[in-house]
Amino acid sequence: MESQIKHWQDYNNNLAMLTERSGDFEGLADMVNTFADGSTQSIAMVAGITRALEEENYDAVSEMIKTWQSLQVAQRKRKRCG
């Protein structure tokens, strides 16, 4: 049970950190909002972005955001065409 509590606390702390830093990176807040569902994939993405920020790997963070934005555009286009 303690490991589950720590797991959710870490996730919550990571989301809080990303929310704090969202003003530093255009598009970060929008991206983080899509990863706030608590799914395994979202938890991994939030942890990865947080780790990149902690390591001051800002180029990686910017690249993640650009990739996510491109994916969002592609998904919208598919919805319009499909």
Protein backbone atom coordinates (compact mmCIF):
# COMPACT_ATOMS: atom_id res chain seq x y z
CA MET A 1 0.00 0.00 0.00
CA GLU A 2 2.84 2.42 0.81
CA SER A 3 4.33 1.96 -2.65
CA GLN A 4 0.98 2.82 -4.23
CA ILE A 5 0.69 5.94 -2.10
CA LYS A 6 4.22 6.99 -3.05
CA HIS A 7 3.44 6.29 -6.71
CA TRP A 8 0.46 8.68 -6.66
CA GLN A 9 2.30 11.26 -4.58
CA ASP A 10 5.16 11.27 -7.09
CA TYR A 11 2.70 11.63 -9.96
CA ASN A 12 0.94 14.51 -8.19
CA ASN A 13 4.26 16.22 -7.39
CA ASN A 14 5.38 15.84 -11.00
CA LEU A 15 2.13 17.35 -12.28
CA ALA A 16 2.53 20.24 -9.84
CA MET A 17 6.08 20.89 -11.04
CA LEU A 18 5.02 20.83 -14.68
CA THR A 19 2.17 23.20 -13.92
CA GLU A 20 4.64 25.56 -12.24
CA ARG A 21 6.97 25.43 -15.25
CA SER A 22 4.24 25.63 -17.89
CA GLY A 23 4.84 29.35 -18.37
CA ASP A 24 8.43 28.63 -19.41
CA PHE A 25 7.50 26.49 -22.42
CA GLU A 26 4.77 27.35 -24.89
CA GLY A 27 2.42 24.40 -25.24
CA LEU A 28 3.54 22.62 -22.05
CA ALA A 29 0.31 23.32 -20.18
CA ASP A 30 -1.83 21.97 -23.03
CA MET A 31 0.33 18.87 -23.28
CA VAL A 32 0.30 18.23 -19.53
CA ASN A 33 -3.49 18.54 -19.45
CA THR A 34 -3.75 15.58 -21.82
CA PHE A 35 -1.53 13.53 -19.48
CA ALA A 36 -3.55 14.19 -16.34
CA ASP A 37 -5.74 11.10 -16.63
CA GLY A 38 -3.60 8.87 -14.39
CA SER A 39 -3.06 6.21 -17.02
CA THR A 40 0.20 4.27 -17.05
CA GLN A 41 1.27 6.01 -20.24
CA SER A 42 0.45 9.44 -18.83
CA ILE A 43 2.35 8.76 -15.62
CA ALA A 44 5.40 7.73 -17.65
CA MET A 45 5.18 10.82 -19.87
CA VAL A 46 4.79 13.17 -16.90
CA ALA A 47 7.76 11.52 -15.17
CA GLY A 48 9.87 11.79 -18.33
CA ILE A 49 9.12 15.47 -18.87
CA THR A 50 9.74 16.20 -15.19
CA ARG A 51 13.06 14.34 -15.31
CA ALA A 52 14.13 16.32 -18.38
CA LEU A 53 13.31 19.58 -16.58
CA GLU A 54 15.16 18.49 -13.45
CA GLU A 55 18.19 17.65 -15.60
CA GLU A 56 17.83 21.02 -17.35
CA ASN A 57 17.46 19.25 -20.69
CA TYR A 58 15.30 22.01 -22.09
CA ASP A 59 15.90 21.01 -25.71
CA ALA A 60 14.35 17.62 -24.97
CA VAL A 61 11.33 19.27 -23.33
CA SER A 62 10.87 21.57 -26.32
CA GLU A 63 11.16 18.61 -28.68
CA MET A 64 8.56 16.63 -26.70
CA ILE A 65 6.17 19.57 -26.93
CA LYS A 66 6.74 20.01 -30.68
CA THR A 67 6.20 16.30 -31.29
CA TRP A 68 3.01 16.32 -29.21
CA GLN A 69 1.73 19.41 -31.05
CA SER A 70 2.39 17.76 -34.42
CA LEU A 71 0.50 14.69 -33.30
CA GLN A 72 -2.45 16.84 -32.22
CA VAL A 73 -2.56 18.54 -35.63
CA ALA A 74 -2.43 15.18 -37.41
CA GLN A 75 -5.22 13.77 -35.24
CA ARG A 76 -7.45 16.81 -35.92
CA LYS A 77 -6.87 16.45 -39.66
CA ARG A 78 -7.81 12.77 -39.54
CA LYS A 79 -11.01 13.58 -37.66
CA ARG A 80 -11.98 16.16 -40.28
CA CYS A 81 -11.24 13.81 -43.16
CA GLY A 82 -12.64 10.68 -41.61
